[in-house]
N, C-alpha and C. Protein backbone atom coordinates (compact mmCIF):
# COMPACT_ATOMS: atom_id res chain seq x y z
N MET A 1 0.68 12.74 1.65
CA MET A 1 0.10 12.48 2.75
C MET A 1 -0.65 11.21 2.01
N ILE A 2 -1.04 9.76 2.84
CA ILE A 2 -1.76 8.75 2.55
C ILE A 2 -3.44 8.75 3.55
N ARG A 3 -3.99 8.22 2.55
CA ARG A 3 -6.13 8.14 3.09
C ARG A 3 -5.69 6.91 2.98
N LEU A 4 -6.39 6.30 3.88
CA LEU A 4 -6.34 4.67 4.79
C LEU A 4 -8.02 4.75 5.62
N ASN A 5 -9.28 3.41 4.89
CA ASN A 5 -9.56 3.62 5.85
C ASN A 5 -8.96 2.29 6.79
N SER A 6 -9.43 2.27 8.06
CA SER A 6 -8.84 1.39 8.79
C SER A 6 -9.96 1.36 9.67
N ASN A 7 -9.54 0.52 10.26
CA ASN A 7 -9.93 -0.36 11.28
C ASN A 7 -9.79 -0.17 12.79
N SER A 8 -8.81 0.53 13.26
CA SER A 8 -7.64 0.61 14.54
C SER A 8 -6.63 1.64 14.07
N ILE A 9 -6.42 2.36 15.52
CA ILE A 9 -5.28 3.35 15.19
C ILE A 9 -4.75 3.16 16.77
N ALA A 10 -3.17 3.20 16.82
CA ALA A 10 -2.52 3.00 17.66
C ALA A 10 -2.20 4.14 17.82
N VAL A 11 -2.01 5.03 19.31
CA VAL A 11 -1.45 6.33 19.42
C VAL A 11 -0.12 5.93 20.61
N ASP A 12 0.73 6.58 20.97
CA ASP A 12 1.26 6.71 22.23
C ASP A 12 0.79 7.48 23.55
N GLU A 13 1.55 7.97 24.14
CA GLU A 13 1.03 8.61 25.30
C GLU A 13 0.62 9.82 25.14
N LYS A 14 1.51 10.89 24.09
CA LYS A 14 1.55 12.14 23.47
C LYS A 14 0.00 11.64 22.45
N SER A 15 -0.54 10.88 22.49
CA SER A 15 -1.68 10.81 21.19
C SER A 15 -0.86 11.20 19.93
N ASP A 16 0.80 10.37 19.74
CA ASP A 16 1.20 10.95 18.11
C ASP A 16 0.43 9.26 17.71
N ILE A 17 0.43 9.08 16.59
CA ILE A 17 -0.20 7.65 15.90
C ILE A 17 1.17 6.97 15.68
N LYS A 18 1.28 6.09 15.83
CA LYS A 18 1.71 5.04 15.62
C LYS A 18 1.94 3.77 14.64
N LYS A 19 0.74 3.81 14.75
CA LYS A 19 0.52 2.53 13.43
C LYS A 19 -1.12 3.10 13.64
N ILE A 20 -1.15 2.30 12.25
CA ILE A 20 -2.77 2.58 12.09
C ILE A 20 -3.22 0.95 10.73
N GLU A 21 -4.06 0.27 11.07
CA GLU A 21 -4.55 -1.20 10.89
C GLU A 21 -6.30 -1.24 9.94
N ALA A 22 -5.67 -2.00 9.56
CA ALA A 22 -6.80 -1.85 8.73
C ALA A 22 -7.09 -3.46 7.84
N LEU A 23 -8.81 -4.05 7.71
CA LEU A 23 -8.51 -5.02 7.54
C LEU A 23 -10.23 -5.14 6.19
N ASN A 24 -9.88 -6.11 6.20
CA ASN A 24 -10.78 -6.32 4.89
C ASN A 24 -11.66 -5.41 3.36
N LYS A 25 -11.22 -5.00 2.67
CA LYS A 25 -11.01 -4.68 1.79
C LYS A 25 -10.56 -3.31 1.77
N VAL A 26 -9.39 -3.28 2.07
CA VAL A 26 -8.89 -2.53 2.16
C VAL A 26 -8.55 -1.67 0.98
N SER A 27 -8.41 0.53 0.78
CA SER A 27 -7.87 0.75 -0.08
C SER A 27 -7.66 1.64 0.60
N PHE A 28 -6.31 2.41 0.09
CA PHE A 28 -5.20 3.68 -0.02
C PHE A 28 -5.37 4.41 -1.06
N PHE A 29 -4.53 5.58 -0.78
CA PHE A 29 -4.64 6.78 -2.35
C PHE A 29 -3.27 7.82 -1.35
N ASN A 30 -2.45 7.27 -2.34
CA ASN A 30 -1.97 8.38 -2.08
C ASN A 30 -1.85 9.78 -3.08
N ALA A 31 -1.95 10.83 -2.57
CA ALA A 31 -1.77 12.45 -3.40
C ALA A 31 -0.29 12.41 -3.75
N LYS A 32 0.37 12.60 -3.12
CA LYS A 32 1.67 12.98 -4.35
C LYS A 32 2.19 11.92 -5.51
N GLY A 33 2.27 10.71 -5.62
CA GLY A 33 1.93 10.06 -6.44
C GLY A 33 1.22 9.43 -7.16
N GLY A 34 -0.28 9.51 -6.81
CA GLY A 34 -1.50 9.25 -7.88
C GLY A 34 -1.19 7.91 -7.22
N PHE A 35 -0.96 7.38 -6.21
CA PHE A 35 -0.89 5.58 -6.17
C PHE A 35 -2.52 5.72 -5.18
N LYS A 36 -2.64 4.38 -5.83
CA LYS A 36 -4.12 3.64 -5.28
C LYS A 36 -3.82 2.49 -5.04
N GLY A 37 -4.26 2.01 -4.08
CA GLY A 37 -4.37 0.15 -3.81
C GLY A 37 -5.08 -0.02 -3.02
N THR A 38 -5.22 -1.51 -3.58
CA THR A 38 -5.86 -2.45 -2.52
C THR A 38 -5.79 -4.00 -1.61
N GLY A 39 -6.48 -4.28 -1.26
CA GLY A 39 -5.76 -5.65 -0.20
C GLY A 39 -6.87 -5.72 0.68
N ASN A 40 -6.40 -6.98 1.25
CA ASN A 40 -7.33 -7.51 2.83
C ASN A 40 -7.11 -6.65 3.87
N TYR A 41 -5.68 -6.53 4.03
CA TYR A 41 -4.95 -6.24 5.20
C TYR A 41 -4.16 -4.71 4.81
N ALA A 42 -3.64 -4.24 5.34
CA ALA A 42 -2.67 -3.04 5.41
C ALA A 42 -2.74 -2.78 6.90
N LEU A 43 -1.33 -2.27 6.80
CA LEU A 43 -0.70 -1.70 8.39
C LEU A 43 0.62 -0.92 7.46
N TYR A 44 0.09 1.41 7.96
CA TYR A 44 0.41 2.06 7.94
C TYR A 44 1.63 2.81 9.55
N THR A 45 3.06 2.77 8.97
CA THR A 45 3.16 3.16 10.34
C THR A 45 4.18 4.44 9.73
N PRO A 46 3.33 5.53 10.42
CA PRO A 46 3.39 7.12 9.87
C PRO A 46 4.89 7.52 9.66
N GLU A 47 5.26 7.16 11.40
CA GLU A 47 6.93 7.01 11.77
C GLU A 47 7.96 6.62 10.50
N LYS A 48 7.77 5.58 9.29
CA LYS A 48 8.66 5.55 8.60
C LYS A 48 7.61 5.67 7.17
N GLY A 49 7.06 6.42 7.28
CA GLY A 49 6.31 6.66 5.82
C GLY A 49 6.25 5.42 5.23
N GLN A 50 6.08 3.95 5.96
CA GLN A 50 5.31 2.87 5.41
C GLN A 50 4.49 2.34 5.45
N LEU A 51 4.05 1.70 4.39
CA LEU A 51 2.67 0.88 3.99
C LEU A 51 3.02 -0.56 3.39
N VAL A 52 2.59 -1.72 4.42
CA VAL A 52 2.80 -2.94 3.94
C VAL A 52 0.97 -3.30 3.65
N LEU A 53 0.82 -4.04 2.52
CA LEU A 53 -0.46 -3.84 1.95
C LEU A 53 -0.68 -5.97 1.61
N GLN A 54 -1.07 -6.52 2.24
CA GLN A 54 -0.97 -7.87 1.90
C GLN A 54 -2.54 -8.23 1.88
N GLY A 55 -3.19 -9.65 0.89
CA GLY A 55 -4.20 -9.90 0.63
C GLY A 55 -4.39 -10.01 -0.25
N ASN A 56 -3.84 -10.24 -1.37
CA ASN A 56 -4.09 -9.71 -3.04
C ASN A 56 -4.34 -8.45 -3.16
N PRO A 57 -2.71 -7.77 -2.88
CA PRO A 57 -2.72 -6.88 -2.89
C PRO A 57 -2.25 -6.53 -4.88
N ILE A 58 -3.01 -5.13 -4.94
CA ILE A 58 -2.88 -4.30 -6.20
C ILE A 58 -2.33 -2.93 -5.71
N LEU A 59 -1.19 -2.46 -6.52
CA LEU A 59 -1.23 -1.55 -6.28
C LEU A 59 -1.03 -0.55 -7.80
N LYS A 60 -1.63 0.27 -8.29
CA LYS A 60 -1.84 1.41 -9.19
C LYS A 60 -1.14 2.79 -9.18
N ASN A 61 -0.83 3.29 -10.19
CA ASN A 61 -0.48 4.60 -10.42
C ASN A 61 -0.33 5.19 -12.23
N PRO A 62 -0.81 6.14 -12.35
CA PRO A 62 -1.22 6.74 -13.79
C PRO A 62 -1.06 5.36 -15.04
N GLU A 63 0.15 4.97 -14.46
CA GLU A 63 0.59 4.46 -16.03
C GLU A 63 0.91 2.74 -15.76
N THR A 64 1.04 1.95 -14.49
CA THR A 64 1.20 0.78 -13.85
C THR A 64 0.40 0.50 -13.18
N THR A 65 0.20 -0.80 -13.49
CA THR A 65 -0.93 -1.26 -12.49
C THR A 65 0.05 -2.95 -11.97
N VAL A 66 0.56 -3.30 -10.84
CA VAL A 66 0.99 -4.32 -10.09
C VAL A 66 0.70 -5.33 -9.02
N PHE A 67 0.13 -6.51 -9.46
CA PHE A 67 -0.47 -7.30 -8.71
C PHE A 67 0.55 -8.53 -8.25
N VAL A 68 0.38 -8.61 -7.16
CA VAL A 68 1.07 -9.62 -6.44
C VAL A 68 0.05 -10.48 -5.10
N GLY A 69 1.13 -11.66 -5.46
CA GLY A 69 -0.07 -12.61 -4.84
C GLY A 69 0.53 -12.76 -3.01
N SER A 70 1.74 -11.82 -3.32
CA SER A 70 1.74 -11.93 -1.54
C SER A 70 1.08 -10.52 -0.27
N LYS A 71 2.57 -9.09 -0.90
CA LYS A 71 2.92 -8.46 -0.21
C LYS A 71 3.47 -7.39 -0.71
N ILE A 72 2.84 -6.57 -1.13
CA ILE A 72 3.24 -4.81 -1.07
C ILE A 72 3.67 -4.18 -0.26
N THR A 73 5.09 -3.21 -0.56
CA THR A 73 5.26 -2.77 0.88
C THR A 73 5.88 -0.86 -0.11
N PHE A 74 4.74 0.02 0.18
CA PHE A 74 5.04 1.03 -0.05
C PHE A 74 5.76 2.10 0.51
N TYR A 75 6.91 3.22 0.24
CA TYR A 75 6.96 3.66 1.01
C TYR A 75 7.52 5.45 0.22
N GLU A 76 6.07 6.17 1.49
CA GLU A 76 5.50 6.95 0.34
C GLU A 76 7.21 8.23 0.91
N PRO A 77 8.20 8.16 1.51
CA PRO A 77 9.03 9.53 1.27
C PRO A 77 9.33 9.11 0.15
N SER A 78 9.64 8.13 -0.77
CA SER A 78 10.54 7.45 -2.35
C SER A 78 9.94 7.21 -3.14
N GLN A 79 8.41 7.54 -3.28
CA GLN A 79 7.23 6.97 -3.75
C GLN A 79 7.70 5.60 -3.79
N MET A 80 7.87 4.65 -3.90
CA MET A 80 8.90 3.02 -3.98
C MET A 80 7.93 2.41 -3.84
N ALA A 81 7.67 1.10 -4.39
CA ALA A 81 7.02 0.23 -3.62
C ALA A 81 8.27 -1.37 -3.94
N VAL A 82 8.02 -2.58 -2.93
CA VAL A 82 8.90 -3.69 -3.24
C VAL A 82 7.45 -4.56 -2.89
N ALA A 83 7.30 -5.72 -4.16
CA ALA A 83 6.20 -6.58 -4.07
C ALA A 83 7.12 -7.76 -3.80
N LEU A 84 6.33 -8.74 -3.10
CA LEU A 84 6.96 -10.05 -2.21
C LEU A 84 5.83 -11.16 -2.64
N GLY A 85 6.38 -11.93 -3.68
CA GLY A 85 5.72 -13.24 -4.32
C GLY A 85 5.33 -12.68 -5.80
N ARG A 86 5.39 -13.80 -6.41
CA ARG A 86 4.61 -14.10 -8.04
C ARG A 86 3.74 -12.86 -8.20
N SER A 87 4.45 -11.48 -8.88
CA SER A 87 4.08 -10.72 -9.02
C SER A 87 3.67 -10.29 -11.05
N THR A 88 2.68 -9.42 -11.09
CA THR A 88 2.30 -9.51 -12.45
C THR A 88 2.10 -7.90 -12.65
N VAL A 89 2.78 -7.04 -13.84
CA VAL A 89 2.50 -5.89 -14.07
C VAL A 89 2.66 -5.42 -15.08
N LYS A 90 1.38 -4.61 -15.38
CA LYS A 90 0.76 -4.33 -16.32
C LYS A 90 1.35 -2.49 -16.28
N HIS A 91 1.84 -2.51 -17.99
CA HIS A 91 2.16 -1.25 -17.83
C HIS A 91 1.76 -0.61 -19.69
N GLY A 92 0.57 -0.12 -19.90
CA GLY A 92 0.00 0.39 -21.12
C GLY A 92 -0.42 -0.98 -21.27
N ASP A 93 -0.17 -1.65 -22.97
CA ASP A 93 -0.10 -2.47 -22.92
C ASP A 93 0.76 -4.32 -23.02
N LYS A 94 1.43 -3.57 -21.96
CA LYS A 94 2.49 -4.85 -22.52
C LYS A 94 2.20 -5.42 -20.68
N LEU A 95 2.31 -6.41 -20.60
CA LEU A 95 2.19 -7.41 -19.23
C LEU A 95 3.91 -8.32 -19.00
N MET A 96 4.15 -8.53 -17.79
CA MET A 96 5.64 -9.27 -16.90
C MET A 96 5.02 -9.70 -16.21
N GLN A 97 5.66 -10.28 -15.62
CA GLN A 97 5.55 -11.49 -15.14
C GLN A 97 6.77 -11.75 -14.53
N ALA A 98 6.68 -12.42 -13.12
CA ALA A 98 8.02 -12.16 -11.95
C ALA A 98 8.35 -13.31 -11.23
């Protein structure tokens, strides 16, 4: 389950949610993995279980924080994320940049 503050929700003719978009001070929470994220824009597509965060995106779980310059794509089914752009990862007291 992903919780997201949103500005618009697109539905099809059966009223199934196709996408959820959020702008400005976006935050989300994923209960399964304890992931939290923030950014300036988010697009969630439930069919794919995919959330894209852009605009100074930050993704956290209980052990790790990822700061990314461009975009983070979070895959809900696998509880994985892919970062695009210059990134900094903080795990405990260690920092790594890529």
